[in-house]
Amino acid sequence: MNVIVSNNKHTLSLQVHHVDVSNSIELHFPNENQSFDAFQKLREIGVKCFHTGKNAPCGASVMMYSYGNNIQLQIK
């Protein structure tokens, strides 16, 4: 699954395992290396997010809050 995250200045395309949308947007990855790489890239373009490692209940993922972030999300 491909996720495209855009803010006012930058666009980032990420390959993810699956996406959960609720109060936060959770991007799930097959392994911790991929999730941490995505976390760093998202932070570089100014997206407020945090990283959970492979031992988290939901596995390796990056969580972005829908509020406080001026982002657009496309899931393909």
N, C-alpha and C. Protein backbone atom coordinates (compact mmCIF):
# COMPACT_ATOMS: atom_id res chain seq x y z
N MET A 1 0.85 -1.16 0.00
CA MET A 1 0.00 0.00 0.00
C MET A 1 0.90 1.23 0.00
N ASN A 2 0.54 2.23 -0.77
CA ASN A 2 1.31 3.45 -0.86
C ASN A 2 0.54 4.59 -0.17
N VAL A 3 1.24 5.35 0.66
CA VAL A 3 0.65 6.50 1.34
C VAL A 3 1.45 7.73 0.94
N ILE A 4 0.75 8.77 0.52
CA ILE A 4 1.39 10.02 0.16
C ILE A 4 0.98 11.06 1.20
N VAL A 5 1.98 11.61 1.88
CA VAL A 5 1.77 12.62 2.91
C VAL A 5 2.27 13.95 2.36
N SER A 6 1.40 14.95 2.36
CA SER A 6 1.77 16.27 1.85
C SER A 6 1.46 17.33 2.89
N ASN A 7 2.36 18.31 2.99
CA ASN A 7 2.06 19.52 3.74
C ASN A 7 2.22 20.69 2.78
N ASN A 8 2.28 21.89 3.27
CA ASN A 8 2.32 23.05 2.39
C ASN A 8 3.55 23.08 1.47
N LYS A 9 4.64 22.48 1.91
CA LYS A 9 5.90 22.61 1.17
C LYS A 9 6.46 21.30 0.63
N HIS A 10 6.09 20.18 1.21
CA HIS A 10 6.75 18.91 0.89
C HIS A 10 5.73 17.80 0.64
N THR A 11 6.16 16.82 -0.14
CA THR A 11 5.37 15.61 -0.38
C THR A 11 6.28 14.41 -0.17
N LEU A 12 5.75 13.42 0.53
CA LEU A 12 6.52 12.21 0.84
C LEU A 12 5.68 10.99 0.53
N SER A 13 6.24 10.04 -0.20
CA SER A 13 5.55 8.79 -0.53
C SER A 13 6.17 7.66 0.29
N LEU A 14 5.32 6.87 0.94
CA LEU A 14 5.77 5.79 1.82
C LEU A 14 5.07 4.49 1.47
N GLN A 15 5.80 3.40 1.47
CA GLN A 15 5.23 2.06 1.34
C GLN A 15 4.92 1.56 2.74
N VAL A 16 3.66 1.23 2.99
CA VAL A 16 3.25 0.77 4.32
C VAL A 16 2.56 -0.58 4.22
N HIS A 17 2.49 -1.27 5.36
CA HIS A 17 1.80 -2.56 5.42
C HIS A 17 0.29 -2.33 5.47
N HIS A 18 -0.15 -1.42 6.37
CA HIS A 18 -1.55 -1.01 6.42
C HIS A 18 -1.67 0.29 7.20
N VAL A 19 -2.85 0.91 7.13
CA VAL A 19 -3.12 2.21 7.76
C VAL A 19 -4.36 2.08 8.63
N ASP A 20 -4.30 2.63 9.84
CA ASP A 20 -5.46 2.75 10.73
C ASP A 20 -5.74 4.23 10.94
N VAL A 21 -6.99 4.62 10.80
CA VAL A 21 -7.37 6.02 10.99
C VAL A 21 -8.41 6.10 12.09
N SER A 22 -8.11 6.86 13.13
CA SER A 22 -9.06 7.13 14.22
C SER A 22 -8.73 8.53 14.73
N ASN A 23 -8.48 8.69 16.02
CA ASN A 23 -8.03 9.98 16.54
C ASN A 23 -6.65 10.33 16.02
N SER A 24 -5.90 9.30 15.69
CA SER A 24 -4.59 9.48 15.08
C SER A 24 -4.56 8.68 13.78
N ILE A 25 -3.55 8.92 13.00
CA ILE A 25 -3.32 8.17 11.76
C ILE A 25 -2.12 7.28 12.01
N GLU A 26 -2.31 5.98 11.94
CA GLU A 26 -1.25 5.03 12.23
C GLU A 26 -0.79 4.36 10.95
N LEU A 27 0.48 4.54 10.64
CA LEU A 27 1.09 3.89 9.48
C LEU A 27 1.86 2.69 9.98
N HIS A 28 1.47 1.50 9.58
CA HIS A 28 2.10 0.27 10.05
C HIS A 28 3.07 -0.26 8.99
N PHE A 29 4.20 -0.75 9.45
CA PHE A 29 5.27 -1.22 8.57
C PHE A 29 5.63 -2.67 8.90
N PRO A 30 6.23 -3.38 7.94
CA PRO A 30 6.59 -4.77 8.18
C PRO A 30 7.70 -4.94 9.22
N ASN A 31 8.57 -3.92 9.37
CA ASN A 31 9.65 -4.05 10.36
C ASN A 31 10.03 -2.69 10.94
N GLU A 32 10.79 -2.74 12.01
CA GLU A 32 11.14 -1.53 12.76
C GLU A 32 12.06 -0.61 11.96
N ASN A 33 12.94 -1.16 11.13
CA ASN A 33 13.84 -0.32 10.33
C ASN A 33 13.06 0.56 9.38
N GLN A 34 12.07 -0.01 8.71
CA GLN A 34 11.26 0.77 7.78
C GLN A 34 10.42 1.82 8.50
N SER A 35 9.88 1.48 9.66
CA SER A 35 9.06 2.43 10.39
C SER A 35 9.90 3.58 10.93
N PHE A 36 11.10 3.28 11.41
CA PHE A 36 11.95 4.35 11.93
C PHE A 36 12.44 5.26 10.81
N ASP A 37 12.73 4.70 9.65
CA ASP A 37 13.13 5.50 8.49
C ASP A 37 11.99 6.44 8.09
N ALA A 38 10.77 5.93 8.05
CA ALA A 38 9.61 6.76 7.72
C ALA A 38 9.42 7.85 8.78
N PHE A 39 9.58 7.50 10.05
CA PHE A 39 9.46 8.48 11.14
C PHE A 39 10.43 9.63 10.93
N GLN A 40 11.68 9.32 10.63
CA GLN A 40 12.68 10.37 10.42
C GLN A 40 12.33 11.25 9.22
N LYS A 41 11.87 10.65 8.13
CA LYS A 41 11.50 11.41 6.94
C LYS A 41 10.31 12.33 7.21
N LEU A 42 9.33 11.83 7.95
CA LEU A 42 8.17 12.64 8.29
C LEU A 42 8.56 13.83 9.17
N ARG A 43 9.42 13.58 10.15
CA ARG A 43 9.89 14.67 11.02
C ARG A 43 10.67 15.72 10.23
N GLU A 44 11.45 15.27 9.24
CA GLU A 44 12.24 16.20 8.43
C GLU A 44 11.36 17.17 7.65
N ILE A 45 10.17 16.74 7.24
CA ILE A 45 9.29 17.64 6.50
C ILE A 45 8.31 18.37 7.43
N GLY A 46 8.47 18.20 8.74
CA GLY A 46 7.70 18.98 9.70
C GLY A 46 6.42 18.34 10.21
N VAL A 47 6.23 17.05 9.98
CA VAL A 47 5.03 16.37 10.46
C VAL A 47 5.24 15.97 11.93
N LYS A 48 4.28 16.32 12.78
CA LYS A 48 4.34 15.94 14.19
C LYS A 48 3.89 14.48 14.31
N CYS A 49 4.79 13.62 14.77
CA CYS A 49 4.49 12.19 14.84
C CYS A 49 5.38 11.53 15.89
N PHE A 50 5.10 10.27 16.18
CA PHE A 50 5.99 9.50 17.05
C PHE A 50 6.07 8.07 16.54
N HIS A 51 7.14 7.41 16.95
CA HIS A 51 7.47 6.07 16.46
C HIS A 51 7.25 5.04 17.55
N THR A 52 6.65 3.92 17.19
CA THR A 52 6.56 2.79 18.11
C THR A 52 7.36 1.64 17.51
N GLY A 53 8.09 0.96 18.33
CA GLY A 53 8.96 -0.11 17.86
C GLY A 53 8.23 -1.43 17.69
N LYS A 54 8.99 -2.44 17.37
CA LYS A 54 8.42 -3.76 17.07
C LYS A 54 7.77 -4.40 18.29
N ASN A 55 8.13 -3.98 19.50
CA ASN A 55 7.56 -4.58 20.71
C ASN A 55 6.27 -3.92 21.16
N ALA A 56 5.85 -2.87 20.47
CA ALA A 56 4.57 -2.23 20.80
C ALA A 56 3.43 -3.18 20.47
N PRO A 57 2.30 -3.05 21.16
CA PRO A 57 1.16 -3.95 20.90
C PRO A 57 0.72 -3.98 19.43
N CYS A 58 0.85 -2.83 18.76
CA CYS A 58 0.42 -2.77 17.35
C CYS A 58 1.58 -3.03 16.39
N GLY A 59 2.76 -3.30 16.90
CA GLY A 59 3.92 -3.54 16.04
C GLY A 59 4.58 -2.24 15.62
N ALA A 60 5.52 -2.35 14.69
CA ALA A 60 6.28 -1.20 14.23
C ALA A 60 5.38 -0.24 13.45
N SER A 61 5.27 0.99 13.95
CA SER A 61 4.40 1.95 13.29
C SER A 61 4.83 3.38 13.59
N VAL A 62 4.26 4.29 12.81
CA VAL A 62 4.42 5.72 13.04
C VAL A 62 3.02 6.28 13.22
N MET A 63 2.82 7.06 14.26
CA MET A 63 1.51 7.64 14.54
C MET A 63 1.57 9.14 14.36
N MET A 64 0.61 9.66 13.60
CA MET A 64 0.50 11.11 13.37
C MET A 64 -0.85 11.54 13.90
N TYR A 65 -0.87 12.66 14.60
CA TYR A 65 -2.13 13.20 15.05
C TYR A 65 -2.77 13.99 13.93
N SER A 66 -4.08 13.84 13.77
CA SER A 66 -4.78 14.55 12.71
C SER A 66 -4.92 16.04 13.03
N TYR A 67 -4.89 16.40 14.32
CA TYR A 67 -4.93 17.81 14.69
C TYR A 67 -3.49 18.29 14.90
N GLY A 68 -3.25 19.57 14.65
CA GLY A 68 -1.91 20.12 14.84
C GLY A 68 -0.98 19.88 13.66
N ASN A 69 -1.42 19.10 12.72
CA ASN A 69 -0.65 18.86 11.50
C ASN A 69 -1.46 19.37 10.32
N ASN A 70 -0.86 20.21 9.53
CA ASN A 70 -1.51 20.69 8.32
C ASN A 70 -1.08 19.77 7.18
N ILE A 71 -1.66 18.57 7.13
CA ILE A 71 -1.24 17.59 6.13
C ILE A 71 -2.43 17.07 5.33
N GLN A 72 -2.10 16.58 4.16
CA GLN A 72 -3.05 15.86 3.34
C GLN A 72 -2.53 14.45 3.20
N LEU A 73 -3.42 13.49 3.22
CA LEU A 73 -3.04 12.08 3.17
C LEU A 73 -3.79 11.41 2.03
N GLN A 74 -3.04 10.74 1.16
CA GLN A 74 -3.64 9.93 0.09
C GLN A 74 -3.20 8.49 0.31
N ILE A 75 -4.16 7.59 0.25
CA ILE A 75 -3.88 6.16 0.42
C ILE A 75 -4.20 5.47 -0.89
N LYS A 76 -3.21 4.81 -1.45
CA LYS A 76 -3.40 4.12 -2.74
C LYS A 76 -3.06 2.66 -2.63
